[in-house]
């Protein structure tokens, strides 16, 4: 009977095929297990549903059958790279990944990789999740962001800018890529820098939709160094990665 060893605890008793297959079928994601050559050895029912293949059409075939044509040339190199550095990790961090269904339709995916040591050598387990709905929701959110009449700046708990809209670029004179990943204080006049982080922390501790700095004169700082008076409304945004803070900024110079 085929066995799969517990690579994290090699001294433990091996897991027999039946319990392993039961776990595979119980997984919420599509599970594709390949050997060192990228040949598919096991899949679960979720894989059949997600990719539209009967199981017997996948077993023994290269995993690239599930990869869009435009990525196939690079894919074997990625596989070899993983074999040389085996660890549980997401595949293609910060990359847009896509699967290919039997009918030729592509769809966005997230993939987590895990090594499995067996008596017959290394196998690689890929947990594949369809993220089409999440991507569609993100696209709708971005469309709403761009349609907003005010400059919108979205920051994380550390005050790092995560998203801005076109109105932010127009108002502050920065290109989007010049703002993303920078501290929000880049948009705040120097004389307010000392106090601004504590104001941010205070909002994080008392998250609600409200104007910022009620009763205070607020100013923004453009890329060219020009200051201008603003009104700012703050809103918390709960996301899978934690709470973000959205700031709607309006120029009140006129």
Protein backbone atom coordinates (compact mmCIF):
# COMPACT_ATOMS: atom_id res chain seq x y z
CA UNK A 1 0.00 0.00 0.00
CA UNK A 2 1.28 3.47 -0.90
CA UNK A 3 2.39 5.57 2.07
CA UNK A 4 3.05 9.26 2.60
CA UNK A 5 5.38 10.19 5.45
CA UNK A 6 4.91 13.14 7.77
CA UNK A 7 7.87 15.31 6.67
CA UNK A 8 7.60 17.55 9.73
CA UNK A 9 7.79 14.53 12.10
CA UNK A 10 9.67 11.71 10.35
CA UNK A 11 9.71 9.63 13.54
CA UNK A 12 5.92 9.34 13.50
CA UNK A 13 4.09 6.42 11.96
CA UNK A 14 3.47 6.90 8.24
CA UNK A 15 0.02 7.87 7.08
CA UNK A 16 -1.57 5.18 4.92
CA UNK A 17 -3.16 5.88 1.58
CA UNK A 18 -6.81 5.72 2.69
CA UNK A 19 -6.63 8.35 5.47
CA UNK A 20 -4.47 10.56 3.25
CA UNK A 21 -6.96 10.38 0.39
CA UNK A 22 -9.81 11.10 2.82
CA UNK A 23 -8.00 14.24 4.00
CA UNK A 24 -7.36 15.20 0.39
CA UNK A 25 -11.04 14.91 -0.48
CA UNK A 26 -12.07 16.85 2.63
CA UNK A 27 -9.87 19.82 1.74
CA UNK A 28 -11.90 22.94 0.84
CA UNK A 29 -9.53 23.83 -2.00
CA UNK A 30 -8.56 22.03 -5.18
CA UNK A 31 -5.54 19.86 -4.32
CA UNK A 32 -3.08 18.89 -7.05
CA UNK A 33 -0.14 16.67 -6.08
CA UNK A 34 2.74 16.35 -8.53
CA UNK A 35 6.08 14.57 -8.56
CA UNK A 36 9.53 16.07 -9.12
CA UNK A 37 8.95 16.00 -12.87
CA UNK A 38 5.71 17.96 -12.60
CA UNK A 39 3.54 14.93 -13.40
CA UNK A 40 0.15 14.93 -11.67
CA UNK A 41 -0.12 11.99 -9.25
CA UNK A 42 -3.21 12.82 -7.20
CA UNK A 43 -6.11 15.27 -7.35
CA UNK A 44 -9.29 15.66 -5.33
CA UNK A 45 -12.91 16.17 -6.33
CA UNK A 46 -12.57 19.94 -5.92
CA UNK A 47 -9.91 19.89 -8.65
CA UNK A 48 -12.34 18.17 -11.01
CA UNK A 49 -15.00 20.77 -10.22
CA UNK A 50 -12.68 23.77 -10.47
CA UNK A 51 -10.85 22.82 -13.66
CA UNK A 52 -13.60 20.81 -15.38
CA UNK A 53 -11.53 17.67 -15.95
CA UNK A 54 -12.49 14.14 -14.89
CA UNK A 55 -9.79 12.80 -12.61
CA UNK A 56 -8.51 10.21 -15.09
CA UNK A 57 -7.80 12.94 -17.65
CA UNK A 58 -5.36 14.63 -15.25
CA UNK A 59 -3.47 11.76 -13.62
CA UNK A 60 -0.16 11.13 -15.37
CA UNK A 61 -0.22 14.41 -17.29
CA UNK A 62 2.13 17.38 -16.75
CA UNK A 63 0.72 19.99 -14.36
CA UNK A 64 1.18 22.59 -17.09
CA UNK A 65 -2.13 21.37 -18.56
CA UNK A 66 -3.72 23.52 -15.82
CA UNK A 67 -1.55 26.56 -16.62
CA UNK A 68 -2.41 29.15 -19.32
CA UNK A 69 -0.29 28.82 -22.45
CA UNK A 70 1.49 32.14 -21.95
CA UNK A 71 2.98 30.95 -18.63
CA UNK A 72 3.96 27.41 -19.62
CA UNK A 73 7.48 28.17 -20.79
CA UNK A 74 8.48 29.63 -17.40
CA UNK A 75 6.53 27.19 -15.23
CA UNK A 76 9.04 24.27 -15.19
CA UNK A 77 11.72 26.68 -13.95
CA UNK A 78 9.46 27.74 -11.08
CA UNK A 79 8.87 24.07 -10.22
CA UNK A 80 12.58 23.33 -10.14
CA UNK A 81 13.14 26.39 -7.96
CA UNK A 82 10.61 25.11 -5.45
CA UNK A 83 12.17 21.62 -5.42
CA UNK A 84 15.50 23.23 -4.53
CA UNK A 85 13.94 25.24 -1.68
CA UNK A 86 11.15 23.13 -0.23
CA UNK A 87 8.93 24.89 2.27
CA UNK A 88 5.27 25.59 2.91
CA UNK A 89 4.64 28.91 1.20
CA UNK A 90 2.39 30.74 -1.24
CA UNK A 91 3.34 30.43 -4.89
CA UNK A 92 4.24 33.54 -6.86
CA UNK A 93 4.09 36.07 -4.02
CA UNK A 94 3.03 39.48 -5.41
CA UNK A 95 2.27 37.94 -8.82
CA UNK A 96 -1.09 37.54 -10.54
CA UNK A 97 -1.62 33.78 -10.96
CA UNK A 98 -4.12 32.13 -13.29
CA UNK A 99 -5.50 28.64 -13.82
CA UNK A 100 -6.77 27.18 -17.09
CA UNK A 101 -10.00 25.21 -17.25
CA UNK A 102 -10.65 22.36 -19.66
CA UNK A 103 -12.90 24.65 -21.73
CA UNK A 104 -10.03 27.13 -22.18
CA UNK A 105 -11.32 29.71 -19.70
CA UNK A 106 -8.71 31.36 -17.47
CA UNK A 107 -9.42 32.39 -13.88
CA UNK A 108 -7.38 34.06 -11.10
CA UNK A 109 -6.06 31.78 -8.37
CA UNK A 110 -4.09 31.71 -5.16
CA UNK A 111 -1.79 28.72 -4.73
CA UNK A 112 -0.11 27.38 -1.58
CA UNK A 113 2.70 24.86 -1.97
CA UNK A 114 3.77 22.14 0.47
CA UNK A 115 6.45 19.42 0.16
CA UNK A 116 5.47 15.79 0.85
CA UNK A 117 8.26 13.27 1.46
CA UNK A 118 7.25 9.75 0.36
CA UNK A 119 9.07 6.41 -0.06
CA UNK A 120 9.07 7.12 -3.81
CA UNK A 121 10.61 10.58 -3.47
CA UNK A 122 9.43 14.15 -3.16
CA UNK A 123 5.87 15.10 -4.06
CA UNK A 124 4.59 18.67 -4.12
CA UNK A 125 1.09 19.52 -2.95
CA UNK A 126 -0.56 22.59 -4.46
CA UNK A 127 -3.73 23.95 -2.83
CA UNK A 128 -5.48 25.99 -5.53
CA UNK A 129 -8.20 28.52 -4.70
CA UNK A 130 -10.37 30.39 -7.21
CA UNK A 131 -10.28 34.10 -6.25
CA UNK A 132 -12.49 35.36 -9.10
CA UNK A 133 -15.15 36.74 -6.74
CA UNK A 134 -12.60 38.51 -4.58
CA UNK A 135 -10.87 40.02 -7.61
CA UNK A 136 -14.24 41.19 -8.96
CA UNK A 137 -15.04 42.80 -5.60
CA UNK A 138 -11.63 44.50 -5.60
CA UNK A 139 -12.26 45.79 -9.12
CA UNK A 140 -15.65 47.20 -8.06
CA UNK A 141 -14.03 48.86 -5.05
CA UNK A 142 -11.31 50.41 -7.21
CA UNK A 143 -13.94 51.68 -9.65
CA UNK A 144 -15.81 53.35 -6.77
CA UNK A 145 -12.53 54.78 -5.51
CA UNK A 146 -11.79 56.34 -8.88
CA UNK A 147 -15.33 57.70 -9.18
CA UNK A 148 -15.12 59.56 -5.85
CA UNK A 149 -15.17 63.36 -6.25
CA UNK A 150 -12.51 63.83 -3.55
CA UNK A 151 -8.92 62.69 -3.26
CA UNK A 152 -8.97 59.33 -1.45
CA UNK A 153 -5.88 58.12 0.42
CA UNK A 154 -6.05 54.70 2.10
CA UNK A 155 -3.41 53.83 4.69
CA UNK A 156 -2.68 50.87 6.96
CA UNK A 157 -2.28 50.92 10.75
CA UNK A 158 1.32 52.08 10.34
CA UNK A 159 0.35 55.06 8.20
CA UNK A 160 1.73 53.52 5.01
CA UNK A 161 -0.17 54.50 1.87
CA UNK A 162 -1.81 51.44 0.28
CA UNK A 163 -4.18 52.97 -2.28
CA UNK A 164 -4.88 56.35 -3.83
CA UNK A 165 -7.16 57.51 -6.63
CA UNK A 166 -6.60 59.74 -9.65
CA UNK A 167 -7.97 62.75 -7.75
CA UNK A 168 -5.13 62.33 -5.24
CA UNK A 169 -2.60 62.49 -8.06
CA UNK A 170 -4.25 65.64 -9.43
CA UNK A 171 -4.56 67.34 -6.03
CA UNK A 172 -1.09 66.61 -4.65
CA UNK A 173 0.90 66.48 -7.91
CA UNK A 174 2.40 63.03 -7.29
CA UNK A 175 2.19 60.03 -9.59
CA UNK A 176 0.50 57.10 -7.91
CA UNK A 177 3.67 55.01 -7.76
CA UNK A 178 5.43 57.86 -5.93
CA UNK A 179 2.93 57.58 -3.06
CA UNK A 180 2.24 53.86 -2.65
CA UNK A 181 4.38 52.37 0.12
CA UNK A 182 5.32 55.78 1.55
CA UNK A 183 4.20 57.22 4.88
CA UNK A 184 1.14 59.43 4.65
CA UNK A 185 3.15 62.25 6.27
CA UNK A 186 4.57 62.91 2.79
CA UNK A 187 1.28 64.77 2.19
CA UNK A 188 1.45 66.71 5.47
CA UNK A 189 3.36 70.00 5.96
CA UNK A 190 6.61 69.55 7.88
CA UNK A 191 5.47 71.61 10.85
CA UNK A 192 2.72 69.04 11.58
CA UNK A 193 4.87 65.90 11.20
CA UNK A 194 5.69 65.64 14.90
CA UNK A 195 2.03 65.36 15.99
CA UNK A 196 0.52 63.51 13.04
CA UNK A 197 1.51 59.92 14.03
CA UNK A 198 -0.18 60.35 17.43
CA UNK A 199 -3.34 61.62 15.71
CA UNK A 200 -3.26 58.50 13.51
CA UNK A 201 -2.84 56.25 16.53
CA UNK A 202 -5.71 58.00 18.27
CA UNK A 203 -7.99 57.31 15.31
CA UNK A 204 -6.96 53.64 15.18
CA UNK A 205 -7.98 53.34 18.85
CA UNK A 206 -11.38 54.96 18.18
CA UNK A 207 -12.36 53.96 14.66
CA UNK A 208 -15.48 55.59 13.27
CA UNK A 209 -16.57 57.73 10.35
CA UNK A 210 -15.83 61.32 11.33
CA UNK A 211 -14.13 64.51 10.17
CA UNK A 212 -10.45 64.80 11.04
CA UNK A 213 -9.26 67.59 13.31
CA UNK A 214 -12.65 69.08 14.15
CA UNK A 215 -12.16 72.76 14.98
CA UNK A 216 -8.62 72.81 13.55
CA UNK A 217 -7.22 74.31 10.36
CA UNK A 218 -5.85 71.41 8.30
CA UNK A 219 -3.36 71.67 5.44
CA UNK A 220 -2.05 69.40 2.73
CA UNK A 221 1.36 69.57 1.09
CA UNK A 222 1.80 69.27 -2.67
CA UNK A 223 4.84 67.73 -4.33
CA UNK A 224 6.04 71.22 -5.32
CA UNK A 225 6.06 72.26 -1.64
CA UNK A 226 2.91 74.39 -1.80
CA UNK A 227 0.55 74.10 1.18
CA UNK A 228 -3.23 74.35 0.81
CA UNK A 229 -6.18 74.17 3.24
CA UNK A 230 -8.15 70.92 3.30
CA UNK A 231 -11.09 69.18 4.89
CA UNK A 232 -10.57 65.49 5.68
CA UNK A 233 -13.13 62.80 6.48
CA UNK A 234 -11.89 59.52 7.96
CA UNK A 235 -13.48 56.08 7.63
CA UNK A 236 -12.31 52.64 8.84
CA UNK A 237 -12.17 49.82 6.28
CA UNK A 238 -12.15 46.25 7.57
CA UNK A 239 -10.22 43.92 5.23
CA UNK A 240 -8.89 40.34 5.43
CA UNK A 241 -5.44 41.86 6.04
CA UNK A 242 -6.55 44.10 8.89
CA UNK A 243 -8.09 47.54 9.31
CA UNK A 244 -7.27 50.26 6.81
CA UNK A 245 -8.15 53.92 7.17
CA UNK A 246 -9.66 55.85 4.27
CA UNK A 247 -9.15 59.62 4.15
CA UNK A 248 -11.33 61.67 1.79
CA UNK A 249 -9.49 64.96 1.20
CA UNK A 250 -11.07 68.09 -0.23
CA UNK A 251 -9.25 71.29 -1.22
CA UNK A 252 -11.09 74.20 0.44
CA UNK A 253 -8.87 76.98 -0.92
CA UNK A 254 -11.72 78.67 -2.79
